[in-house]
Amino acid sequence: MRDGGTEPPPDPGPGEMEVRLAARLAGLRTERGWSLDELARRTGVSRSTLSRLERAEISPTAALLGRLCAAYGRTMSRLLSEVESEPPQLVRAGQQPVWRDEASGFVRRSVSPPHAGLRGEVVEGVLHPGSDISYEGPPVPGLEQHIWVLDGTLEVTADGHVHEVRAGDCLRFRLWGRSRFRCPGPGPVRYALVVVLP
């Protein structure tokens, strides 16, 4: 301690969920017999970043996780559900997994996590003003999405078409190509996303 101040708290390191996610990502790569170089080629993500990610030295951004999900043919929710214990039928508000990407200003709550035998899931997303997230393609081609904006305005680009979705509006489509989610402001946007596997 100096000048009567307190020392900064120690870095807590990765949380339990980040460690389980890192292990699952490493497991998915191993199951396919891919080297880090092969995964880097398939995703366009550097080998060193992938290596650090699998060792839980860094947390993935939404865009990075999107690229990995596409390579492994999984939705983001399905991947995140694989690192959670078996979800109950009733998911209390306080038990809904929340994932934050501080770098891009994105908060994702898995309101109704994926469950074996069910094809749909419900996600709540919050984007801060100026947040802009792009995905190279859907994790599963033809993925059905319904986006209901609860507060604010969301600009969604799906397969080259740009849509401005305001509070109360619902946009629905099947996704085959690239997508982009942008919050034009002035305030944050909160939306419900219903995802249905084809």
Protein backbone atom coordinates (compact mmCIF):
# COMPACT_ATOMS: atom_id res chain seq x y z
CA MET A 1 0.00 0.00 0.00
CA ARG A 2 1.14 3.51 -0.78
CA ASP A 3 -0.04 6.94 0.41
CA GLY A 4 -2.60 5.40 2.74
CA GLY A 5 -4.47 3.88 -0.23
CA THR A 6 -5.45 0.32 -0.73
CA GLU A 7 -3.97 -2.13 -3.17
CA PRO A 8 -6.16 -3.00 -6.13
CA PRO A 9 -8.00 -6.28 -5.68
CA PRO A 10 -6.26 -9.26 -7.25
CA ASP A 11 -7.42 -10.35 -10.69
CA PRO A 12 -10.01 -13.04 -9.98
CA GLY A 13 -9.05 -14.85 -13.19
CA PRO A 14 -11.56 -16.66 -15.35
CA GLY A 15 -14.89 -17.59 -13.80
CA GLU A 16 -16.23 -21.13 -13.64
CA MET A 17 -18.35 -20.64 -16.76
CA GLU A 18 -15.38 -19.28 -18.77
CA VAL A 19 -13.26 -22.27 -17.74
CA ARG A 20 -16.01 -24.75 -18.74
CA LEU A 21 -16.54 -22.88 -22.04
CA ALA A 22 -12.81 -23.01 -22.81
CA ALA A 23 -12.74 -26.74 -22.08
CA ARG A 24 -15.80 -27.36 -24.28
CA LEU A 25 -14.27 -25.43 -27.18
CA ALA A 26 -11.08 -27.44 -26.88
CA GLY A 27 -13.16 -30.63 -26.73
CA LEU A 28 -15.12 -29.77 -29.87
CA ARG A 29 -11.91 -29.20 -31.79
CA THR A 30 -10.40 -32.45 -30.53
CA GLU A 31 -13.57 -34.42 -31.38
CA ARG A 32 -13.16 -33.33 -35.00
CA GLY A 33 -9.47 -34.12 -35.10
CA TRP A 34 -8.62 -30.52 -36.01
CA SER A 35 -5.36 -28.87 -35.10
CA LEU A 36 -5.31 -25.26 -33.97
CA ASP A 37 -3.97 -24.38 -37.43
CA GLU A 38 -6.93 -26.12 -39.09
CA LEU A 39 -9.43 -24.31 -36.85
CA ALA A 40 -7.65 -21.02 -37.57
CA ARG A 41 -8.02 -21.70 -41.32
CA ARG A 42 -11.73 -22.49 -40.96
CA THR A 43 -12.57 -19.47 -38.79
CA GLY A 44 -10.10 -16.78 -39.84
CA VAL A 45 -9.08 -16.41 -36.18
CA SER A 46 -5.37 -16.51 -35.34
CA ARG A 47 -3.89 -19.68 -33.90
CA SER A 48 -2.54 -17.80 -30.86
CA THR A 49 -5.99 -16.34 -30.06
CA LEU A 50 -7.59 -19.78 -30.33
CA SER A 51 -4.91 -21.28 -28.10
CA ARG A 52 -5.37 -18.60 -25.43
CA LEU A 53 -9.14 -19.00 -25.67
CA GLU A 54 -8.97 -22.76 -25.09
CA ARG A 55 -6.74 -22.18 -22.05
CA ALA A 56 -9.26 -19.64 -20.63
CA GLU A 57 -6.64 -16.88 -20.77
CA ILE A 58 -9.05 -14.64 -22.70
CA SER A 59 -12.85 -14.41 -22.94
CA PRO A 60 -14.41 -14.62 -26.41
CA THR A 61 -16.22 -11.68 -27.98
CA ALA A 62 -19.65 -12.23 -29.52
CA ALA A 63 -18.16 -12.10 -33.03
CA LEU A 64 -15.43 -14.63 -32.17
CA LEU A 65 -17.92 -16.98 -30.54
CA GLY A 66 -20.12 -16.61 -33.63
CA ARG A 67 -17.26 -17.74 -35.89
CA LEU A 68 -16.52 -20.74 -33.69
CA CYS A 69 -20.21 -21.69 -33.53
CA ALA A 70 -20.40 -21.57 -37.33
CA ALA A 71 -17.33 -23.83 -37.61
CA TYR A 72 -18.85 -26.31 -35.16
CA GLY A 73 -22.42 -26.07 -36.57
CA ARG A 74 -23.95 -24.89 -33.30
CA THR A 75 -26.05 -21.96 -32.19
CA MET A 76 -24.45 -19.80 -29.51
CA SER A 77 -27.17 -20.84 -27.06
CA ARG A 78 -26.55 -24.51 -27.71
CA LEU A 79 -22.83 -24.10 -27.12
CA LEU A 80 -23.43 -22.19 -23.90
CA SER A 81 -26.00 -24.77 -22.78
CA GLU A 82 -23.39 -27.51 -23.21
CA VAL A 83 -21.29 -25.95 -20.47
CA GLU A 84 -24.26 -25.65 -18.12
CA SER A 85 -25.90 -28.47 -16.22
CA GLU A 86 -29.15 -29.93 -17.61
CA PRO A 87 -31.65 -27.02 -17.61
CA PRO A 88 -34.89 -27.42 -15.65
CA GLN A 89 -38.32 -26.95 -17.24
CA LEU A 90 -38.90 -23.77 -15.23
CA VAL A 91 -36.02 -21.31 -15.43
CA ARG A 92 -36.26 -18.68 -12.71
CA ALA A 93 -35.12 -15.17 -13.62
CA GLY A 94 -32.15 -15.36 -11.26
CA GLN A 95 -31.00 -18.66 -12.80
CA GLN A 96 -30.98 -17.57 -16.44
CA PRO A 97 -27.40 -17.61 -17.74
CA VAL A 98 -26.11 -14.15 -18.64
CA TRP A 99 -23.12 -13.64 -20.93
CA ARG A 100 -21.47 -10.24 -21.36
CA ASP A 101 -19.22 -9.01 -24.13
CA GLU A 102 -17.94 -5.80 -22.58
CA ALA A 103 -15.80 -4.97 -25.62
CA SER A 104 -18.80 -4.71 -27.96
CA GLY A 105 -21.40 -3.55 -25.42
CA PHE A 106 -23.56 -6.68 -25.70
CA VAL A 107 -25.40 -8.49 -22.90
CA ARG A 108 -27.14 -11.80 -23.68
CA ARG A 109 -29.56 -13.51 -21.31
CA SER A 110 -30.62 -17.07 -22.13
CA VAL A 111 -34.25 -16.75 -20.98
CA SER A 112 -35.29 -20.20 -22.23
CA PRO A 113 -32.11 -22.21 -22.78
CA PRO A 114 -31.96 -24.95 -25.41
CA HIS A 115 -33.24 -28.31 -24.22
CA ALA A 116 -32.95 -31.79 -25.69
CA GLY A 117 -35.90 -32.52 -27.96
CA LEU A 118 -36.93 -28.86 -28.32
CA ARG A 119 -36.06 -26.78 -31.37
CA GLY A 120 -36.78 -23.28 -30.01
CA GLU A 121 -35.17 -20.99 -27.50
CA VAL A 122 -35.73 -17.45 -26.22
CA VAL A 123 -32.90 -14.96 -25.71
CA GLU A 124 -32.93 -11.40 -24.36
CA GLY A 125 -30.33 -9.10 -25.88
CA VAL A 126 -29.21 -5.64 -24.82
CA LEU A 127 -26.95 -3.50 -26.99
CA HIS A 128 -25.51 -0.18 -25.87
CA PRO A 129 -25.64 2.85 -28.20
CA GLY A 130 -23.08 2.48 -30.97
CA SER A 131 -22.71 -1.28 -30.49
CA ASP A 132 -22.26 -3.03 -33.81
CA ILE A 133 -21.90 -6.84 -34.06
CA SER A 134 -21.50 -8.78 -37.31
CA TYR A 135 -21.68 -12.52 -37.90
CA GLU A 136 -20.18 -14.20 -40.99
CA GLY A 137 -23.10 -16.61 -41.26
CA PRO A 138 -25.60 -18.56 -39.19
CA PRO A 139 -24.32 -21.48 -37.11
CA VAL A 140 -27.02 -23.56 -38.79
CA PRO A 141 -28.13 -22.58 -42.34
CA GLY A 142 -31.82 -21.63 -42.53
CA LEU A 143 -32.00 -20.77 -38.84
CA GLU A 144 -35.37 -19.14 -38.09
CA GLN A 145 -35.26 -15.95 -36.02
CA HIS A 146 -37.98 -13.70 -34.60
CA ILE A 147 -36.74 -10.40 -33.13
CA TRP A 148 -39.17 -8.43 -30.98
CA VAL A 149 -37.81 -5.06 -29.84
CA LEU A 150 -38.92 -4.22 -26.31
CA ASP A 151 -37.17 -0.85 -25.83
CA GLY A 152 -35.16 1.36 -28.18
CA THR A 153 -34.27 0.81 -31.82
CA LEU A 154 -32.33 -2.04 -33.43
CA GLU A 155 -30.90 -2.05 -36.94
CA VAL A 156 -30.72 -5.61 -38.26
CA THR A 157 -29.07 -6.61 -41.50
CA ALA A 158 -29.95 -10.13 -42.64
CA ASP A 159 -28.81 -11.59 -45.95
CA GLY A 160 -28.11 -8.09 -47.29
CA HIS A 161 -31.43 -6.50 -46.27
CA VAL A 162 -31.35 -3.70 -43.67
CA HIS A 163 -34.30 -3.34 -41.27
CA GLU A 164 -34.91 -0.67 -38.63
CA VAL A 165 -36.88 -2.36 -35.86
CA ARG A 166 -38.43 -0.08 -33.23
CA ALA A 167 -40.06 -0.77 -29.85
CA GLY A 168 -43.03 -3.08 -30.35
CA ASP A 169 -41.97 -4.14 -33.87
CA CYS A 170 -41.15 -7.76 -34.71
CA LEU A 171 -38.82 -8.86 -37.51
CA ARG A 172 -38.81 -12.50 -38.61
CA PHE A 173 -36.69 -14.31 -41.17
CA ARG A 174 -34.70 -17.43 -41.95
CA LEU A 175 -30.99 -16.72 -42.03
CA TRP A 176 -28.75 -18.14 -44.74
CA GLY A 177 -25.93 -15.58 -44.91
CA ARG A 178 -24.30 -12.78 -42.99
CA SER A 179 -26.08 -10.78 -40.29
CA ARG A 180 -25.43 -7.60 -38.36
CA PHE A 181 -26.98 -6.12 -35.20
CA ARG A 182 -26.45 -2.40 -34.55
CA CYS A 183 -27.83 -0.04 -31.93
CA PRO A 184 -28.08 3.42 -33.55
CA GLY A 185 -29.05 5.04 -30.21
CA PRO A 186 -29.61 7.45 -28.66
CA GLY A 187 -30.34 4.93 -25.87
CA PRO A 188 -29.70 1.20 -25.52
CA VAL A 189 -31.92 -1.35 -27.22
CA ARG A 190 -33.47 -4.36 -25.48
CA TYR A 191 -35.00 -7.13 -27.54
CA ALA A 192 -36.29 -10.67 -27.36
CA LEU A 193 -34.91 -13.14 -29.88
CA VAL A 194 -36.72 -16.39 -30.59
CA VAL A 195 -34.51 -18.90 -32.40
CA VAL A 196 -35.96 -22.02 -34.02
CA LEU A 197 -33.74 -24.71 -35.53
CA PRO A 198 -34.76 -25.84 -39.04
